C-alpha atoms as a PDB file:
ATOM      1  CA  MET A   1     -99.611 -81.432   5.054  1.00  0.00           C
ATOM      2  CA  LYS A   2     -97.838 -78.875   3.069  1.00  0.00           C
ATOM      3  CA  THR A   3    -101.178 -76.749   2.853  1.00  0.00           C
ATOM      4  CA  LEU A   4    -101.816 -77.142   6.631  1.00  0.00           C
ATOM      5  CA  THR A   5     -98.150 -75.883   7.402  1.00  0.00           C
ATOM      6  CA  LYS A   6     -98.689 -72.964   5.081  1.00  0.00           C
ATOM      7  CA  THR A   7    -102.110 -72.186   6.554  1.00  0.00           C
ATOM      8  CA  ILE A   8    -100.645 -72.272  10.083  1.00  0.00           C
ATOM      9  CA  GLY A   9     -97.754 -69.929   8.979  1.00  0.00           C
ATOM     10  CA  VAL A  10    -100.154 -67.510   7.388  1.00  0.00           C
ATOM     11  CA  THR A  11    -102.353 -67.432  10.290  1.00  0.00           C
ATOM     12  CA  LEU A  12     -99.557 -66.949  12.846  1.00  0.00           C
ATOM     13  CA  GLY A  13     -98.038 -64.299  10.532  1.00  0.00           C
ATOM     14  CA  LEU A  14    -101.286 -62.440  10.412  1.00  0.00           C
ATOM     15  CA  ALA A  15    -101.789 -62.605  14.206  1.00  0.00           C
ATOM     16  CA  VAL A  16     -98.315 -61.300  14.893  1.00  0.00           C
ATOM     17  CA  GLY A  17     -98.781 -58.487  12.372  1.00  0.00           C
ATOM     18  CA  LEU A  18    -102.191 -57.447  13.891  1.00  0.00           C
ATOM     19  CA  ILE A  19    -100.811 -57.467  17.461  1.00  0.00           C
ATOM     20  CA  GLY A  20     -97.727 -55.465  16.333  1.00  0.00           C
ATOM     21  CA  LEU A  21    -100.065 -52.960  14.548  1.00  0.00           C
ATOM     22  CA  PHE A  22    -102.308 -52.633  17.635  1.00  0.00           C
ATOM     23  CA  LEU A  23     -99.257 -51.926  19.904  1.00  0.00           C
ATOM     24  CA  ALA A  24     -97.832 -49.420  17.319  1.00  0.00           C
ATOM     25  CA  LEU A  25    -101.302 -47.648  17.201  1.00  0.00           C
ATOM     26  CA  MET A  26    -101.404 -47.396  21.002  1.00  0.00           C
ATOM     27  CA  ARG A  27     -98.403 -45.156  20.949  1.00  0.00           C
ATOM     28  CA  PHE A  28    -100.699 -42.594  19.442  1.00  0.00           C
ATOM     29  CA  SER A  29    -103.673 -43.085  21.818  1.00  0.00           C
ATOM     30  CA  ASP A  30    -104.677 -40.847  24.618  1.00  0.00           C
ATOM     31  CA  GLY A  31    -103.351 -42.844  27.376  1.00  0.00           C
ATOM     32  CA  PRO A  32    -103.098 -46.521  28.239  1.00  0.00           C
ATOM     33  CA  LEU A  33    -105.745 -49.241  27.630  1.00  0.00           C
ATOM     34  CA  GLU A  34    -105.602 -51.455  30.622  1.00  0.00           C
ATOM     35  CA  VAL A  35    -102.310 -53.453  30.650  1.00  0.00           C
ATOM     36  CA  PHE A  36    -101.208 -51.810  27.167  1.00  0.00           C
ATOM     37  CA  SER A  37     -99.113 -48.812  27.351  1.00  0.00           C
ATOM     38  CA  GLY A  38    -100.470 -45.764  25.459  1.00  0.00           C
ATOM     39  CA  GLY A  39     -99.323 -42.491  24.152  1.00  0.00           C
ATOM     40  CA  PRO A  40     -98.969 -39.115  25.841  1.00  0.00           C
ATOM     41  CA  PHE A  41    -102.286 -37.667  27.492  1.00  0.00           C
ATOM     42  CA  THR A  42    -104.101 -35.491  25.263  1.00  0.00           C
ATOM     43  CA  THR A  43    -107.178 -34.926  27.516  1.00  0.00           C
ATOM     44  CA  GLY A  44    -107.548 -33.837  31.137  1.00  0.00           C
ATOM     45  CA  GLU A  45    -107.409 -30.596  33.217  1.00  0.00           C
ATOM     46  CA  LEU A  46    -104.088 -29.533  34.695  1.00  0.00           C
ATOM     47  CA  THR A  47    -104.636 -29.413  38.573  1.00  0.00           C
ATOM     48  CA  ALA A  48    -102.363 -28.655  41.585  1.00  0.00           C
ATOM     49  CA  ALA A  49    -101.546 -31.821  43.356  1.00  0.00           C
ATOM     50  CA  PRO A  50    -102.997 -32.455  46.646  1.00  0.00           C
ATOM     51  CA  ASP A  51    -101.193 -32.516  49.974  1.00  0.00           C
ATOM     52  CA  ASP A  52    -103.163 -35.579  50.942  1.00  0.00           C
ATOM     53  CA  TRP A  53    -103.397 -38.543  48.531  1.00  0.00           C
ATOM     54  CA  SER A  54    -105.626 -40.669  50.859  1.00  0.00           C
ATOM     55  CA  PHE A  55    -108.581 -40.327  48.575  1.00  0.00           C
ATOM     56  CA  LEU A  56    -106.884 -42.965  46.354  1.00  0.00           C
ATOM     57  CA  THR A  57    -106.487 -45.573  49.097  1.00  0.00           C
ATOM     58  CA  ASP A  58    -108.937 -48.061  47.841  1.00  0.00           C
ATOM     59  CA  ARG A  59    -108.445 -47.071  44.219  1.00  0.00           C
ATOM     60  CA  ASP A  60    -106.993 -50.166  42.163  1.00  0.00           C
ATOM     61  CA  THR A  61    -104.876 -48.375  39.397  1.00  0.00           C
ATOM     62  CA  VAL A  62    -103.819 -45.070  38.338  1.00  0.00           C
ATOM     63  CA  GLU A  63    -102.629 -43.797  34.823  1.00  0.00           C
ATOM     64  CA  PHE A  64     -99.253 -42.097  34.579  1.00  0.00           C
ATOM     65  CA  GLN A  65     -97.136 -40.745  31.709  1.00  0.00           C
ATOM     66  CA  THR A  66     -93.379 -40.513  31.461  1.00  0.00           C
ATOM     67  CA  LEU A  67     -92.133 -37.493  29.600  1.00  0.00           C
ATOM     68  CA  GLN A  68     -89.076 -38.984  28.048  1.00  0.00           C
ATOM     69  CA  PRO A  69     -90.347 -41.232  26.184  1.00  0.00           C
ATOM     70  CA  ALA A  70     -93.971 -39.775  26.205  1.00  0.00           C
ATOM     71  CA  ARG A  71     -95.697 -42.966  27.084  1.00  0.00           C
ATOM     72  CA  SER A  72     -98.412 -43.770  29.438  1.00  0.00           C
ATOM     73  CA  ARG A  73     -99.393 -46.697  31.443  1.00  0.00           C
ATOM     74  CA  THR A  74    -101.726 -48.158  34.218  1.00  0.00           C
ATOM     75  CA  VAL A  75    -100.098 -49.153  37.469  1.00  0.00           C
ATOM     76  CA  TRP A  76    -101.090 -50.331  40.915  1.00  0.00           C
ATOM     77  CA  LEU A  77    -100.720 -47.871  43.718  1.00  0.00           C
ATOM     78  CA  GLY A  78    -100.387 -47.630  47.428  1.00  0.00           C
ATOM     79  CA  VAL A  79    -101.191 -44.746  49.805  1.00  0.00           C
ATOM     80  CA  HIS A  80     -99.357 -44.476  53.249  1.00  0.00           C
ATOM     81  CA  ASP A  81     -99.418 -41.595  55.651  1.00  0.00           C
ATOM     82  CA  GLN A  82    -101.112 -39.597  52.984  1.00  0.00           C
ATOM     83  CA  ARG A  83     -98.283 -40.196  50.506  1.00  0.00           C
ATOM     84  CA  LEU A  84     -98.746 -41.853  47.146  1.00  0.00           C
ATOM     85  CA  PHE A  85     -96.352 -44.636  46.031  1.00  0.00           C
ATOM     86  CA  LEU A  86     -96.035 -46.798  42.924  1.00  0.00           C
ATOM     87  CA  VAL A  87     -94.030 -49.935  42.712  1.00  0.00           C
ATOM     88  CA  SER A  88     -92.688 -52.100  39.798  1.00  0.00           C
ATOM     89  CA  GLY A  89     -92.015 -55.779  40.736  1.00  0.00           C
ATOM     90  CA  TYR A  90     -90.330 -58.487  38.766  1.00  0.00           C
ATOM     91  CA  MET A  91     -87.450 -56.275  38.199  1.00  0.00           C
ATOM     92  CA  ASN A  92     -84.869 -59.128  38.254  1.00  0.00           C
ATOM     93  CA  THR A  93     -86.586 -61.375  36.009  1.00  0.00           C
ATOM     94  CA  SER A  94     -86.261 -61.756  32.337  1.00  0.00           C
ATOM     95  CA  TYR A  95     -89.852 -61.101  31.584  1.00  0.00           C
ATOM     96  CA  GLY A  96     -89.698 -58.123  33.887  1.00  0.00           C
ATOM     97  CA  GLY A  97     -86.802 -56.866  31.833  1.00  0.00           C
ATOM     98  CA  ILE A  98     -89.139 -56.875  28.854  1.00  0.00           C
ATOM     99  CA  TRP A  99     -92.340 -55.860  30.315  1.00  0.00           C
ATOM    100  CA  LYS A 100     -91.172 -53.141  32.904  1.00  0.00           C
ATOM    101  CA  GLN A 101     -89.307 -50.482  30.843  1.00  0.00           C
ATOM    102  CA  TRP A 102     -90.826 -47.464  32.583  1.00  0.00           C
ATOM    103  CA  PRO A 103     -88.556 -47.511  35.743  1.00  0.00           C
ATOM    104  CA  HIS A 104     -85.589 -47.323  33.486  1.00  0.00           C
ATOM    105  CA  TYR A 105     -86.958 -44.158  31.729  1.00  0.00           C
ATOM    106  CA  LEU A 106     -86.879 -42.379  35.023  1.00  0.00           C
ATOM    107  CA  ASP A 107     -83.199 -42.429  34.965  1.00  0.00           C
ATOM    108  CA  ARG A 108     -83.216 -39.757  32.327  1.00  0.00           C
ATOM    109  CA  ASP A 109     -86.171 -37.931  33.358  1.00  0.00           C
ATOM    110  CA  ASP A 110     -88.081 -38.579  36.694  1.00  0.00           C
ATOM    111  CA  ARG A 111     -91.084 -36.155  35.695  1.00  0.00           C
ATOM    112  CA  ILE A 112     -94.390 -37.792  35.231  1.00  0.00           C
ATOM    113  CA  ILE A 113     -98.026 -36.590  34.821  1.00  0.00           C
ATOM    114  CA  LEU A 114    -100.720 -38.637  36.618  1.00  0.00           C
ATOM    115  CA  ARG A 115    -104.213 -38.673  35.154  1.00  0.00           C
ATOM    116  CA  ILE A 116    -106.915 -39.356  37.929  1.00  0.00           C
ATOM    117  CA  ASP A 117    -110.538 -38.801  37.186  1.00  0.00           C
ATOM    118  CA  GLY A 118    -109.666 -36.380  34.204  1.00  0.00           C
ATOM    119  CA  ARG A 119    -107.299 -34.473  36.285  1.00  0.00           C
ATOM    120  CA  LEU A 120    -103.604 -34.064  35.353  1.00  0.00           C
ATOM    121  CA  TYR A 121    -101.005 -33.820  38.170  1.00  0.00           C
ATOM    122  CA  GLU A 122     -97.459 -32.918  37.075  1.00  0.00           C
ATOM    123  CA  GLN A 123     -95.236 -34.756  39.551  1.00  0.00           C
ATOM    124  CA  ARG A 124     -91.997 -36.583  39.840  1.00  0.00           C
ATOM    125  CA  LEU A 125     -91.209 -40.166  40.943  1.00  0.00           C
ATOM    126  CA  GLN A 126     -88.494 -40.596  43.518  1.00  0.00           C
ATOM    127  CA  ARG A 127     -87.022 -43.964  44.100  1.00  0.00           C
ATOM    128  CA  VAL A 128     -87.201 -45.249  47.633  1.00  0.00           C
ATOM    129  CA  MET A 129     -84.688 -47.972  48.583  1.00  0.00           C
ATOM    130  CA  GLU A 130     -84.876 -47.931  52.319  1.00  0.00           C
ATOM    131  CA  GLY A 131     -86.659 -46.162  55.150  1.00  0.00           C
ATOM    132  CA  PRO A 132     -89.491 -46.608  57.628  1.00  0.00           C
ATOM    133  CA  GLU A 133     -92.138 -46.518  54.882  1.00  0.00           C
ATOM    134  CA  VAL A 134     -90.982 -49.394  52.882  1.00  0.00           C
ATOM    135  CA  VAL A 135     -92.592 -52.214  54.788  1.00  0.00           C
ATOM    136  CA  PRO A 136     -95.867 -50.260  55.551  1.00  0.00           C
ATOM    137  CA  VAL A 137     -96.125 -49.335  51.821  1.00  0.00           C
ATOM    138  CA  LEU A 138     -95.459 -52.994  50.731  1.00  0.00           C
ATOM    139  CA  SER A 139     -98.058 -54.225  53.383  1.00  0.00           C
ATOM    140  CA  GLU A 140    -100.612 -51.922  51.744  1.00  0.00           C
ATOM    141  CA  PHE A 141     -99.761 -53.516  48.316  1.00  0.00           C
ATOM    142  CA  ALA A 142    -100.251 -56.852  49.797  1.00  0.00           C
ATOM    143  CA  ARG A 143    -103.761 -55.878  51.387  1.00  0.00           C
ATOM    144  CA  LYS A 144    -104.918 -54.449  48.190  1.00  0.00           C
ATOM    145  CA  TYR A 145    -103.559 -56.903  45.509  1.00  0.00           C
ATOM    146  CA  PHE A 146    -102.630 -60.041  47.295  1.00  0.00           C
ATOM    147  CA  GLY A 147    -105.417 -60.709  49.783  1.00  0.00           C
ATOM    148  CA  GLY A 148    -103.436 -59.358  52.665  1.00  0.00           C
ATOM    149  CA  ALA A 149    -100.898 -62.144  52.258  1.00  0.00           C
ATOM    150  CA  ASP A 150     -97.615 -61.731  54.187  1.00  0.00           C
ATOM    151  CA  GLY A 151     -94.293 -63.057  52.942  1.00  0.00           C
ATOM    152  CA  ASP A 152     -91.756 -61.780  50.772  1.00  0.00           C
ATOM    153  CA  PHE A 153     -93.718 -58.970  49.428  1.00  0.00           C
ATOM    154  CA  THR A 154     -94.133 -57.343  52.738  1.00  0.00           C
ATOM    155  CA  SER A 155     -90.392 -57.610  53.519  1.00  0.00           C
ATOM    156  CA  ASP A 156     -87.977 -54.972  52.605  1.00  0.00           C
ATOM    157  CA  GLU A 157     -85.724 -57.575  51.136  1.00  0.00           C
ATOM    158  CA  SER A 158     -87.514 -57.367  47.902  1.00  0.00           C
ATOM    159  CA  ILE A 159     -86.512 -53.568  47.832  1.00  0.00           C
ATOM    160  CA  ARG A 160     -83.047 -54.153  48.850  1.00  0.00           C
ATOM    161  CA  SER A 161     -82.415 -56.972  46.364  1.00  0.00           C
ATOM    162  CA  GLY A 162     -83.900 -54.886  43.438  1.00  0.00           C
ATOM    163  CA  ASP A 163     -86.651 -57.361  42.768  1.00  0.00           C
ATOM    164  CA  THR A 164     -89.190 -54.546  43.419  1.00  0.00           C
ATOM    165  CA  TRP A 165     -88.471 -50.772  42.775  1.00  0.00           C
ATOM    166  CA  MET A 166     -90.617 -48.461  44.842  1.00  0.00           C
ATOM    167  CA  TYR A 167     -91.160 -44.866  44.089  1.00  0.00           C
ATOM    168  CA  GLU A 168     -92.869 -41.976  45.909  1.00  0.00           C
ATOM    169  CA  VAL A 169     -94.876 -39.575  43.986  1.00  0.00           C
ATOM    170  CA  VAL A 170     -93.332 -36.119  44.933  1.00  0.00           C
ATOM    171  CA  ASP A 171     -93.939 -32.512  43.768  1.00  0.00           C
ATOM    172  CA  ARG A 172     -91.865 -31.110  41.026  1.00  0.00           C
END
């Protein structure tokens, strides 16, 4: 029994150590790896932002980097009326508080860099808490990611309550 307990303890310790090492090394990578945050972008061509983001309408994800701290991540996106929006859900949950740090970074510095198809766009994220675009943007997210399901996600209540934080990508 003592040997089994020791083996399990060593195995768990090794697994936790390897996961920690992986996450630490990701801070030095050129961008994120799927759901794992990465380091600052080191590749890509600086490009002027388009006036029309509609070319991203059916794209599932986009990479972006905050500047302070210089970390990158992959997020879902929505396009409405040629404008680009990013949202962060689960903001009022305990796991959202751990998992969703990037919206809090924007309080210090709202500048971001988008990386799309090897092009870098220097932009800002401006929080949207009300307005005529809220419900259409949430409906677009529901269409893309939740099979068009209506319900709480397509109501502006999730924005008003702070469960979902919505940002528009705007010029610097």
